[in-house]
C-alpha atoms as a PDB file:
ATOM      1  CA  MET A   1     -65.910 277.732 230.906  1.00  0.00           C
ATOM      2  CA  ALA A   2     -65.772 279.055 234.453  1.00  0.00           C
ATOM      3  CA  GLN A   3     -66.632 275.592 235.773  1.00  0.00           C
ATOM      4  CA  LEU A   4     -63.483 274.184 234.190  1.00  0.00           C
ATOM      5  CA  ARG A   5     -61.393 276.628 236.205  1.00  0.00           C
ATOM      6  CA  ASP A   6     -63.023 275.730 239.511  1.00  0.00           C
ATOM      7  CA  LYS A   7     -60.400 274.333 241.906  1.00  0.00           C
ATOM      8  CA  LYS A   8     -62.319 271.141 242.665  1.00  0.00           C
ATOM      9  CA  ASN A   9     -62.793 270.428 238.969  1.00  0.00           C
ATOM     10  CA  LEU A  10     -59.086 270.941 238.323  1.00  0.00           C
ATOM     11  CA  VAL A  11     -58.233 268.608 241.191  1.00  0.00           C
ATOM     12  CA  ALA A  12     -60.684 266.017 239.844  1.00  0.00           C
ATOM     13  CA  MET A  13     -59.060 266.200 236.406  1.00  0.00           C
ATOM     14  CA  ALA A  14     -55.601 265.878 237.980  1.00  0.00           C
ATOM     15  CA  LEU A  15     -56.816 262.831 239.931  1.00  0.00           C
ATOM     16  CA  LEU A  16     -58.075 261.285 236.706  1.00  0.00           C
ATOM     17  CA  LEU A  17     -54.724 261.885 235.004  1.00  0.00           C
ATOM     18  CA  ALA A  18     -52.867 260.462 238.013  1.00  0.00           C
ATOM     19  CA  THR A  19     -55.067 257.358 237.885  1.00  0.00           C
ATOM     20  CA  ILE A  20     -54.290 256.916 234.195  1.00  0.00           C
ATOM     21  CA  ALA A  21     -50.568 257.387 234.913  1.00  0.00           C
ATOM     22  CA  SER A  22     -50.727 254.732 237.644  1.00  0.00           C
ATOM     23  CA  TRP A  23     -52.519 252.333 235.342  1.00  0.00           C
ATOM     24  CA  PHE A  24     -50.021 252.815 232.508  1.00  0.00           C
ATOM     25  CA  THR A  25     -47.122 252.435 234.936  1.00  0.00           C
ATOM     26  CA  PHE A  26     -48.566 249.132 236.128  1.00  0.00           C
ATOM     27  CA  GLU A  27     -49.298 247.878 232.620  1.00  0.00           C
ATOM     28  CA  GLU A  28     -45.842 248.689 231.275  1.00  0.00           C
ATOM     29  CA  PHE A  29     -43.631 247.905 234.267  1.00  0.00           C
ATOM     30  CA  HIS A  30     -45.503 245.427 236.505  1.00  0.00           C
ATOM     31  CA  GLY A  31     -43.178 243.208 238.432  1.00  0.00           C
ATOM     32  CA  TYR A  32     -40.583 245.931 238.995  1.00  0.00           C
ATOM     33  CA  VAL A  33     -40.172 247.310 242.501  1.00  0.00           C
ATOM     34  CA  LEU A  34     -39.580 250.825 241.170  1.00  0.00           C
ATOM     35  CA  ALA A  35     -42.936 250.749 239.379  1.00  0.00           C
ATOM     36  CA  SER A  36     -44.645 249.762 242.617  1.00  0.00           C
ATOM     37  CA  VAL A  37     -42.909 252.593 244.452  1.00  0.00           C
ATOM     38  CA  VAL A  38     -44.027 255.081 241.792  1.00  0.00           C
ATOM     39  CA  ILE A  39     -47.616 253.834 242.018  1.00  0.00           C
ATOM     40  CA  ILE A  40     -47.584 254.115 245.825  1.00  0.00           C
ATOM     41  CA  LEU A  41     -46.262 257.679 245.608  1.00  0.00           C
ATOM     42  CA  ILE A  42     -48.868 258.647 243.006  1.00  0.00           C
ATOM     43  CA  SER A  43     -51.566 257.133 245.224  1.00  0.00           C
ATOM     44  CA  THR A  44     -50.295 259.074 248.217  1.00  0.00           C
ATOM     45  CA  LEU A  45     -50.437 262.318 246.251  1.00  0.00           C
ATOM     46  CA  LYS A  46     -53.973 261.464 245.186  1.00  0.00           C
ATOM     47  CA  VAL A  47     -55.036 260.899 248.805  1.00  0.00           C
ATOM     48  CA  LYS A  48     -53.424 264.212 249.787  1.00  0.00           C
ATOM     49  CA  ALA A  49     -55.323 266.019 247.011  1.00  0.00           C
ATOM     50  CA  ILE A  50     -58.598 264.405 248.076  1.00  0.00           C
ATOM     51  CA  MET A  51     -57.998 265.293 251.721  1.00  0.00           C
ATOM     52  CA  MET A  52     -57.221 268.917 250.962  1.00  0.00           C
ATOM     53  CA  SER A  53     -59.795 269.586 248.247  1.00  0.00           C
ATOM     54  CA  PHE A  54     -62.804 267.417 248.980  1.00  0.00           C
ATOM     55  CA  MET A  55     -62.527 266.616 252.690  1.00  0.00           C
ATOM     56  CA  GLU A  56     -61.484 270.231 253.351  1.00  0.00           C
ATOM     57  CA  VAL A  57     -58.718 269.288 255.754  1.00  0.00           C
ATOM     58  CA  ASN A  58     -57.038 272.582 254.846  1.00  0.00           C
ATOM     59  CA  ALA A  59     -59.832 274.393 256.728  1.00  0.00           C
ATOM     60  CA  LEU A  60     -58.990 272.592 259.982  1.00  0.00           C
ATOM     61  CA  PRO A  61     -56.730 274.050 262.678  1.00  0.00           C
ATOM     62  CA  ASN A  62     -53.018 273.398 262.207  1.00  0.00           C
ATOM     63  CA  PRO A  63     -52.688 270.528 264.729  1.00  0.00           C
ATOM     64  CA  TRP A  64     -55.341 268.550 262.849  1.00  0.00           C
ATOM     65  CA  LYS A  65     -53.706 269.286 259.496  1.00  0.00           C
ATOM     66  CA  HIS A  66     -50.367 268.069 260.817  1.00  0.00           C
ATOM     67  CA  MET A  67     -51.978 264.959 262.308  1.00  0.00           C
ATOM     68  CA  MET A  68     -53.638 264.066 258.990  1.00  0.00           C
ATOM     69  CA  ASN A  69     -50.419 264.692 257.057  1.00  0.00           C
ATOM     70  CA  GLY A  70     -48.470 262.628 259.581  1.00  0.00           C
ATOM     71  CA  TRP A  71     -50.969 259.777 259.293  1.00  0.00           C
ATOM     72  CA  LEU A  72     -50.655 259.854 255.510  1.00  0.00           C
ATOM     73  CA  ALA A  73     -46.853 259.860 255.737  1.00  0.00           C
ATOM     74  CA  VAL A  74     -46.862 256.861 258.109  1.00  0.00           C
ATOM     75  CA  VAL A  75     -49.207 254.886 255.849  1.00  0.00           C
ATOM     76  CA  CYS A  76     -47.148 255.729 252.755  1.00  0.00           C
ATOM     77  CA  LEU A  77     -43.912 254.791 254.495  1.00  0.00           C
ATOM     78  CA  ALA A  78     -45.409 251.509 255.717  1.00  0.00           C
ATOM     79  CA  MET A  79     -46.493 250.610 252.182  1.00  0.00           C
ATOM     80  CA  LEU A  80     -43.074 251.509 250.776  1.00  0.00           C
ATOM     81  CA  ILE A  81     -41.261 249.446 253.401  1.00  0.00           C
ATOM     82  CA  ALA A  82     -43.575 246.492 252.793  1.00  0.00           C
ATOM     83  CA  GLU A  83     -42.981 246.708 249.047  1.00  0.00           C
ATOM     84  CA  VAL A  84     -39.200 246.994 249.209  1.00  0.00           C
ATOM     85  CA  MET A  85     -38.689 244.192 251.749  1.00  0.00           C
END
């Protein structure tokens, strides 16, 4: 039971649920721009969770953390702009 409460296991379960949510969003609302935006945002949150929990970016000095978060924000924004235009 203690393994279920481990932070990495909880993050992995949340990633699985987010993947299922993305899939259902695509299946039900494909073709809508809002659905694509929601899927991009869910994907960005998944990447953030992976970076912080499994790549251990949170253990890096602050400038590196900010650089990684900035990179993720730029990529997310680029995908959103490409989808909306």
